[in-house]
Amino acid sequence: MKRGGWRQRAQALVEFSLVAPVVLLMIGATVDMGRGLLIHALLQGAARDTARQSALVYFSGSNTLPPDCTALTTPCSLRSLDTGAHLLDSLGVSVVYLDSPAIASPPTYGTYVPNADLTQPGTITLTGATNPNTVYVFIYELEPAGARWSCPGCAGGAVVRTPGHQRVVVDFKLKWQPVMAKFLGIPTVITFDAQSVERMEF
């Protein structure tokens, strides 16, 4: 009896050692997928919220300056547009926003290909120098001549979202590396894209 019990325990231990890694990988992958879906949903919500705010006249002129309504006698609680993606800070995701090197060019961490119909958003692609687990923020105005980006160092200053009920486009791109992929040494990075378009109210 004792010998048979030892064999059963040994067999159970061997079976557990064979099955446990697979079960743990499945649990880890499920948790990772859930976290990815949560991040994507938050990214979509942040893009929609930022686009809604960028349609307000308070935000004309800059993506980084506080809105005009903060100077009112009763200041509003709005913050600069480039902080819109910070909803993901609690998930350990970094946020990057840079002004553009030219009015007609996107920030240096992306390339922009205009749509054949200039009234519609173009295609933005991240450059190879970007980092995983980072949100890259793109905010631009669609004018009849094409996209207009915020560029404080350019002639005429950083004036964006000029009057005329133009469309403003907010595009957040996140290069996300699943934890399990990193743990297993797999260089997998998924790019989440959240775009929202609003027509300006002025």
C-alpha atoms as a PDB file:
ATOM      1  CA  MET A   1       0.000   0.000   0.000  1.00  0.00           C
ATOM      2  CA  LYS A   2       2.696   2.438   0.900  1.00  0.00           C
ATOM      3  CA  ARG A   3       4.645   1.655  -2.232  1.00  0.00           C
ATOM      4  CA  GLY A   4       1.531   2.129  -4.414  1.00  0.00           C
ATOM      5  CA  GLY A   5       0.736   5.459  -2.716  1.00  0.00           C
ATOM      6  CA  TRP A   6       4.260   6.695  -3.417  1.00  0.00           C
ATOM      7  CA  ARG A   7       3.872   5.777  -7.063  1.00  0.00           C
ATOM      8  CA  GLN A   8       0.577   7.630  -7.295  1.00  0.00           C
ATOM      9  CA  ARG A   9       2.089  10.738  -5.723  1.00  0.00           C
ATOM     10  CA  ALA A  10       5.088  10.545  -8.058  1.00  0.00           C
ATOM     11  CA  GLN A  11       2.808  10.141 -11.068  1.00  0.00           C
ATOM     12  CA  ALA A  12       0.685  13.110  -9.964  1.00  0.00           C
ATOM     13  CA  LEU A  13       3.822  15.213  -9.521  1.00  0.00           C
ATOM     14  CA  VAL A  14       5.062  14.327 -13.010  1.00  0.00           C
ATOM     15  CA  GLU A  15       1.646  15.081 -14.537  1.00  0.00           C
ATOM     16  CA  PHE A  16       1.477  18.406 -12.706  1.00  0.00           C
ATOM     17  CA  SER A  17       4.981  19.377 -13.872  1.00  0.00           C
ATOM     18  CA  LEU A  18       3.937  18.646 -17.468  1.00  0.00           C
ATOM     19  CA  VAL A  19       0.551  20.399 -17.357  1.00  0.00           C
ATOM     20  CA  ALA A  20       1.316  23.381 -15.065  1.00  0.00           C
ATOM     21  CA  PRO A  21       3.498  25.378 -17.526  1.00  0.00           C
ATOM     22  CA  VAL A  22       0.850  25.093 -20.238  1.00  0.00           C
ATOM     23  CA  VAL A  23      -1.942  26.132 -17.859  1.00  0.00           C
ATOM     24  CA  LEU A  24       0.106  29.039 -16.498  1.00  0.00           C
ATOM     25  CA  LEU A  25       0.906  30.200 -20.055  1.00  0.00           C
ATOM     26  CA  MET A  26      -2.786  30.064 -20.958  1.00  0.00           C
ATOM     27  CA  ILE A  27      -3.745  32.072 -17.853  1.00  0.00           C
ATOM     28  CA  GLY A  28      -0.990  34.610 -18.541  1.00  0.00           C
ATOM     29  CA  ALA A  29      -2.023  34.952 -22.194  1.00  0.00           C
ATOM     30  CA  THR A  30      -5.665  35.472 -21.185  1.00  0.00           C
ATOM     31  CA  VAL A  31      -4.749  38.178 -18.678  1.00  0.00           C
ATOM     32  CA  ASP A  32      -2.461  39.796 -21.260  1.00  0.00           C
ATOM     33  CA  MET A  33      -5.221  39.802 -23.878  1.00  0.00           C
ATOM     34  CA  GLY A  34      -7.638  41.367 -21.409  1.00  0.00           C
ATOM     35  CA  ARG A  35      -5.103  44.071 -20.585  1.00  0.00           C
ATOM     36  CA  GLY A  36      -4.593  44.740 -24.293  1.00  0.00           C
ATOM     37  CA  LEU A  37      -8.333  45.114 -24.870  1.00  0.00           C
ATOM     38  CA  LEU A  38      -8.571  47.487 -21.895  1.00  0.00           C
ATOM     39  CA  ILE A  39      -5.704  49.612 -23.222  1.00  0.00           C
ATOM     40  CA  HIS A  40      -7.281  49.740 -26.689  1.00  0.00           C
ATOM     41  CA  ALA A  41     -10.668  50.779 -25.261  1.00  0.00           C
ATOM     42  CA  LEU A  42      -9.042  53.524 -23.151  1.00  0.00           C
ATOM     43  CA  LEU A  43      -7.075  54.697 -26.191  1.00  0.00           C
ATOM     44  CA  GLN A  44     -10.274  54.978 -28.248  1.00  0.00           C
ATOM     45  CA  GLY A  45     -11.996  56.908 -25.455  1.00  0.00           C
ATOM     46  CA  ALA A  46      -9.034  59.263 -25.060  1.00  0.00           C
ATOM     47  CA  ALA A  47      -9.007  59.976 -28.813  1.00  0.00           C
ATOM     48  CA  ARG A  48     -12.738  60.753 -28.845  1.00  0.00           C
ATOM     49  CA  ASP A  49     -12.466  63.003 -25.793  1.00  0.00           C
ATOM     50  CA  THR A  50      -9.462  64.883 -27.206  1.00  0.00           C
ATOM     51  CA  ALA A  51     -11.219  65.377 -30.551  1.00  0.00           C
ATOM     52  CA  ARG A  52     -14.323  66.758 -28.830  1.00  0.00           C
ATOM     53  CA  GLN A  53     -12.196  69.255 -26.906  1.00  0.00           C
ATOM     54  CA  SER A  54     -10.145  70.227 -29.955  1.00  0.00           C
ATOM     55  CA  ALA A  55     -13.355  71.312 -31.708  1.00  0.00           C
ATOM     56  CA  LEU A  56     -13.816  74.097 -29.122  1.00  0.00           C
ATOM     57  CA  VAL A  57     -12.678  77.638 -29.853  1.00  0.00           C
ATOM     58  CA  TYR A  58     -10.885  77.641 -26.479  1.00  0.00           C
ATOM     59  CA  PHE A  59      -8.183  75.430 -27.987  1.00  0.00           C
ATOM     60  CA  SER A  60      -7.398  77.456 -31.109  1.00  0.00           C
ATOM     61  CA  GLY A  61      -3.728  78.309 -31.491  1.00  0.00           C
ATOM     62  CA  SER A  62      -1.846  75.491 -29.800  1.00  0.00           C
ATOM     63  CA  ASN A  63      -1.889  71.855 -28.732  1.00  0.00           C
ATOM     64  CA  THR A  64       0.277  72.491 -25.673  1.00  0.00           C
ATOM     65  CA  LEU A  65      -0.921  75.812 -24.199  1.00  0.00           C
ATOM     66  CA  PRO A  66      -3.759  75.813 -21.647  1.00  0.00           C
ATOM     67  CA  PRO A  67      -7.117  76.736 -23.232  1.00  0.00           C
ATOM     68  CA  ASP A  68      -8.357  80.333 -23.178  1.00  0.00           C
ATOM     69  CA  CYS A  69     -11.110  79.461 -20.693  1.00  0.00           C
ATOM     70  CA  THR A  70      -8.516  78.950 -17.936  1.00  0.00           C
ATOM     71  CA  ALA A  71      -8.037  82.744 -17.919  1.00  0.00           C
ATOM     72  CA  LEU A  72     -11.718  83.494 -17.221  1.00  0.00           C
ATOM     73  CA  THR A  73     -12.860  84.897 -13.873  1.00  0.00           C
ATOM     74  CA  THR A  74     -14.184  81.422 -13.141  1.00  0.00           C
ATOM     75  CA  PRO A  75     -11.528  79.262 -14.830  1.00  0.00           C
ATOM     76  CA  CYS A  76     -12.520  76.061 -16.575  1.00  0.00           C
ATOM     77  CA  SER A  77     -10.883  72.778 -15.635  1.00  0.00           C
ATOM     78  CA  LEU A  78      -9.772  71.907 -19.176  1.00  0.00           C
ATOM     79  CA  ARG A  79      -6.124  71.076 -19.824  1.00  0.00           C
ATOM     80  CA  SER A  80      -3.988  71.365 -22.943  1.00  0.00           C
ATOM     81  CA  LEU A  81      -4.887  68.939 -25.730  1.00  0.00           C
ATOM     82  CA  ASP A  82      -1.607  67.033 -25.665  1.00  0.00           C
ATOM     83  CA  THR A  83      -2.554  65.626 -22.233  1.00  0.00           C
ATOM     84  CA  GLY A  84      -5.542  63.748 -23.667  1.00  0.00           C
ATOM     85  CA  ALA A  85      -3.772  60.381 -23.860  1.00  0.00           C
ATOM     86  CA  HIS A  86      -2.760  60.456 -20.196  1.00  0.00           C
ATOM     87  CA  LEU A  87      -5.827  58.361 -19.341  1.00  0.00           C
ATOM     88  CA  LEU A  88      -3.449  55.440 -19.854  1.00  0.00           C
ATOM     89  CA  ASP A  89      -0.846  56.583 -17.318  1.00  0.00           C
ATOM     90  CA  SER A  90      -2.220  54.244 -14.649  1.00  0.00           C
ATOM     91  CA  LEU A  91      -1.466  51.273 -16.922  1.00  0.00           C
ATOM     92  CA  GLY A  92       2.220  52.115 -17.149  1.00  0.00           C
ATOM     93  CA  VAL A  93       2.041  53.556 -20.662  1.00  0.00           C
ATOM     94  CA  SER A  94       4.164  56.590 -21.588  1.00  0.00           C
ATOM     95  CA  VAL A  95       2.748  59.464 -23.665  1.00  0.00           C
ATOM     96  CA  VAL A  96       4.802  61.411 -26.226  1.00  0.00           C
ATOM     97  CA  TYR A  97       3.785  64.596 -28.023  1.00  0.00           C
ATOM     98  CA  LEU A  98       6.073  66.870 -30.028  1.00  0.00           C
ATOM     99  CA  ASP A  99       5.216  69.903 -32.112  1.00  0.00           C
ATOM    100  CA  SER A 100       5.995  69.574 -35.800  1.00  0.00           C
ATOM    101  CA  PRO A 101       9.107  70.784 -37.611  1.00  0.00           C
ATOM    102  CA  ALA A 102       6.909  72.387 -40.308  1.00  0.00           C
ATOM    103  CA  ILE A 103       3.270  73.435 -40.669  1.00  0.00           C
ATOM    104  CA  ALA A 104       2.808  70.841 -43.428  1.00  0.00           C
ATOM    105  CA  SER A 105       4.646  67.988 -41.658  1.00  0.00           C
ATOM    106  CA  PRO A 106       3.763  65.676 -38.756  1.00  0.00           C
ATOM    107  CA  PRO A 107       5.949  65.302 -35.653  1.00  0.00           C
ATOM    108  CA  THR A 108       9.249  63.525 -36.278  1.00  0.00           C
ATOM    109  CA  TYR A 109       8.040  60.197 -34.866  1.00  0.00           C
ATOM    110  CA  GLY A 110       5.602  59.682 -37.760  1.00  0.00           C
ATOM    111  CA  THR A 111       5.114  60.031 -41.497  1.00  0.00           C
ATOM    112  CA  TYR A 112       1.926  61.329 -43.098  1.00  0.00           C
ATOM    113  CA  VAL A 113       0.482  60.410 -46.487  1.00  0.00           C
ATOM    114  CA  PRO A 114      -2.458  62.649 -47.505  1.00  0.00           C
ATOM    115  CA  ASN A 115      -5.741  61.137 -48.591  1.00  0.00           C
ATOM    116  CA  ALA A 116      -6.621  61.533 -52.287  1.00  0.00           C
ATOM    117  CA  ASP A 117      -9.614  63.490 -50.940  1.00  0.00           C
ATOM    118  CA  LEU A 118      -7.980  66.294 -48.938  1.00  0.00           C
ATOM    119  CA  THR A 119     -11.125  66.704 -46.830  1.00  0.00           C
ATOM    120  CA  GLN A 120     -10.486  63.250 -45.326  1.00  0.00           C
ATOM    121  CA  PRO A 121      -7.746  62.156 -42.879  1.00  0.00           C
ATOM    122  CA  GLY A 122      -4.551  60.770 -44.346  1.00  0.00           C
ATOM    123  CA  THR A 123      -2.490  57.772 -43.259  1.00  0.00           C
ATOM    124  CA  ILE A 124       0.013  58.085 -40.401  1.00  0.00           C
ATOM    125  CA  THR A 125       2.799  55.548 -39.905  1.00  0.00           C
ATOM    126  CA  LEU A 126       5.155  55.483 -36.925  1.00  0.00           C
ATOM    127  CA  THR A 127       8.853  55.634 -37.671  1.00  0.00           C
ATOM    128  CA  GLY A 128      11.210  52.869 -36.606  1.00  0.00           C
ATOM    129  CA  ALA A 129      12.690  54.944 -33.772  1.00  0.00           C
ATOM    130  CA  THR A 130       9.559  54.720 -31.607  1.00  0.00           C
ATOM    131  CA  ASN A 131       9.411  52.778 -28.327  1.00  0.00           C
ATOM    132  CA  PRO A 132       7.022  50.041 -27.159  1.00  0.00           C
ATOM    133  CA  ASN A 133       4.370  50.764 -24.495  1.00  0.00           C
ATOM    134  CA  THR A 134       4.241  54.391 -25.614  1.00  0.00           C
ATOM    135  CA  VAL A 135       1.349  56.459 -27.005  1.00  0.00           C
ATOM    136  CA  TYR A 136       2.350  58.823 -29.816  1.00  0.00           C
ATOM    137  CA  VAL A 137      -0.017  61.774 -30.219  1.00  0.00           C
ATOM    138  CA  PHE A 138      -0.923  63.317 -33.593  1.00  0.00           C
ATOM    139  CA  ILE A 139      -3.310  66.301 -33.720  1.00  0.00           C
ATOM    140  CA  TYR A 140      -3.845  68.205 -36.962  1.00  0.00           C
ATOM    141  CA  GLU A 141      -6.344  70.362 -38.798  1.00  0.00           C
ATOM    142  CA  LEU A 142      -7.665  69.479 -42.260  1.00  0.00           C
ATOM    143  CA  GLU A 143      -7.783  72.577 -44.447  1.00  0.00           C
ATOM    144  CA  PRO A 144      -8.664  72.791 -48.172  1.00  0.00           C
ATOM    145  CA  ALA A 145      -4.931  72.786 -48.969  1.00  0.00           C
ATOM    146  CA  GLY A 146      -4.215  69.754 -46.783  1.00  0.00           C
ATOM    147  CA  ALA A 147      -3.124  68.988 -43.213  1.00  0.00           C
ATOM    148  CA  ARG A 148      -1.937  71.786 -40.884  1.00  0.00           C
ATOM    149  CA  TRP A 149       0.227  70.857 -37.883  1.00  0.00           C
ATOM    150  CA  SER A 150       1.224  72.814 -34.780  1.00  0.00           C
ATOM    151  CA  CYS A 151       4.650  74.378 -35.305  1.00  0.00           C
ATOM    152  CA  PRO A 152       5.678  77.118 -32.825  1.00  0.00           C
ATOM    153  CA  GLY A 153       9.068  77.588 -34.524  1.00  0.00           C
ATOM    154  CA  CYS A 154       7.577  78.178 -37.984  1.00  0.00           C
ATOM    155  CA  ALA A 155       6.768  81.501 -39.587  1.00  0.00           C
ATOM    156  CA  GLY A 156       3.422  82.645 -38.249  1.00  0.00           C
ATOM    157  CA  GLY A 157       3.787  80.748 -34.980  1.00  0.00           C
ATOM    158  CA  ALA A 158       1.835  77.755 -33.804  1.00  0.00           C
ATOM    159  CA  VAL A 159      -1.579  78.795 -35.063  1.00  0.00           C
ATOM    160  CA  VAL A 160      -3.675  75.674 -35.619  1.00  0.00           C
ATOM    161  CA  ARG A 161      -7.434  75.152 -35.875  1.00  0.00           C
ATOM    162  CA  THR A 162      -8.083  78.426 -37.648  1.00  0.00           C
ATOM    163  CA  PRO A 163     -11.712  79.594 -38.039  1.00  0.00           C
ATOM    164  CA  GLY A 164     -13.809  78.114 -40.807  1.00  0.00           C
ATOM    165  CA  HIS A 165     -15.418  74.983 -39.363  1.00  0.00           C
ATOM    166  CA  GLN A 166     -12.547  72.820 -40.603  1.00  0.00           C
ATOM    167  CA  ARG A 167     -12.123  69.249 -39.452  1.00  0.00           C
ATOM    168  CA  VAL A 168      -9.649  68.405 -36.733  1.00  0.00           C
ATOM    169  CA  VAL A 169      -8.133  64.928 -36.558  1.00  0.00           C
ATOM    170  CA  VAL A 170      -6.807  63.265 -33.416  1.00  0.00           C
ATOM    171  CA  ASP A 171      -4.782  60.108 -33.977  1.00  0.00           C
ATOM    172  CA  PHE A 172      -3.256  58.179 -31.076  1.00  0.00           C
ATOM    173  CA  LYS A 173      -0.893  55.339 -31.909  1.00  0.00           C
ATOM    174  CA  LEU A 174       0.326  52.913 -29.267  1.00  0.00           C
ATOM    175  CA  LYS A 175       3.091  50.379 -29.749  1.00  0.00           C
ATOM    176  CA  TRP A 176       2.162  47.766 -27.155  1.00  0.00           C
ATOM    177  CA  GLN A 177       4.312  44.803 -26.199  1.00  0.00           C
ATOM    178  CA  PRO A 178       2.394  42.014 -24.433  1.00  0.00           C
ATOM    179  CA  VAL A 179       3.940  41.036 -21.114  1.00  0.00           C
ATOM    180  CA  MET A 180       3.955  37.338 -22.033  1.00  0.00           C
ATOM    181  CA  ALA A 181       5.780  38.041 -25.276  1.00  0.00           C
ATOM    182  CA  LYS A 182       8.396  40.034 -23.393  1.00  0.00           C
ATOM    183  CA  PHE A 183       8.679  37.292 -20.751  1.00  0.00           C
ATOM    184  CA  LEU A 184       9.201  34.643 -23.433  1.00  0.00           C
ATOM    185  CA  GLY A 185      11.718  36.784 -25.315  1.00  0.00           C
ATOM    186  CA  ILE A 186       9.466  37.191 -28.371  1.00  0.00           C
ATOM    187  CA  PRO A 187       9.966  40.670 -29.930  1.00  0.00           C
ATOM    188  CA  THR A 188       6.255  41.079 -30.691  1.00  0.00           C
ATOM    189  CA  VAL A 189       4.865  44.620 -30.751  1.00  0.00           C
ATOM    190  CA  ILE A 190       1.248  45.375 -31.669  1.00  0.00           C
ATOM    191  CA  THR A 191       0.349  48.869 -32.906  1.00  0.00           C
ATOM    192  CA  PHE A 192      -3.034  50.096 -31.654  1.00  0.00           C
ATOM    193  CA  ASP A 193      -4.533  52.988 -33.589  1.00  0.00           C
ATOM    194  CA  ALA A 194      -7.312  55.266 -32.326  1.00  0.00           C
ATOM    195  CA  GLN A 195      -8.509  58.043 -34.612  1.00  0.00           C
ATOM    196  CA  SER A 196     -11.335  60.517 -34.132  1.00  0.00           C
ATOM    197  CA  VAL A 197     -12.492  63.396 -36.332  1.00  0.00           C
ATOM    198  CA  GLU A 198     -14.570  66.414 -35.293  1.00  0.00           C
ATOM    199  CA  ARG A 199     -15.722  69.540 -37.096  1.00  0.00           C
ATOM    200  CA  MET A 200     -14.611  72.680 -35.284  1.00  0.00           C
ATOM    201  CA  GLU A 201     -17.309  74.867 -33.782  1.00  0.00           C
ATOM    202  CA  PHE A 202     -15.866  78.168 -34.992  1.00  0.00           C
END
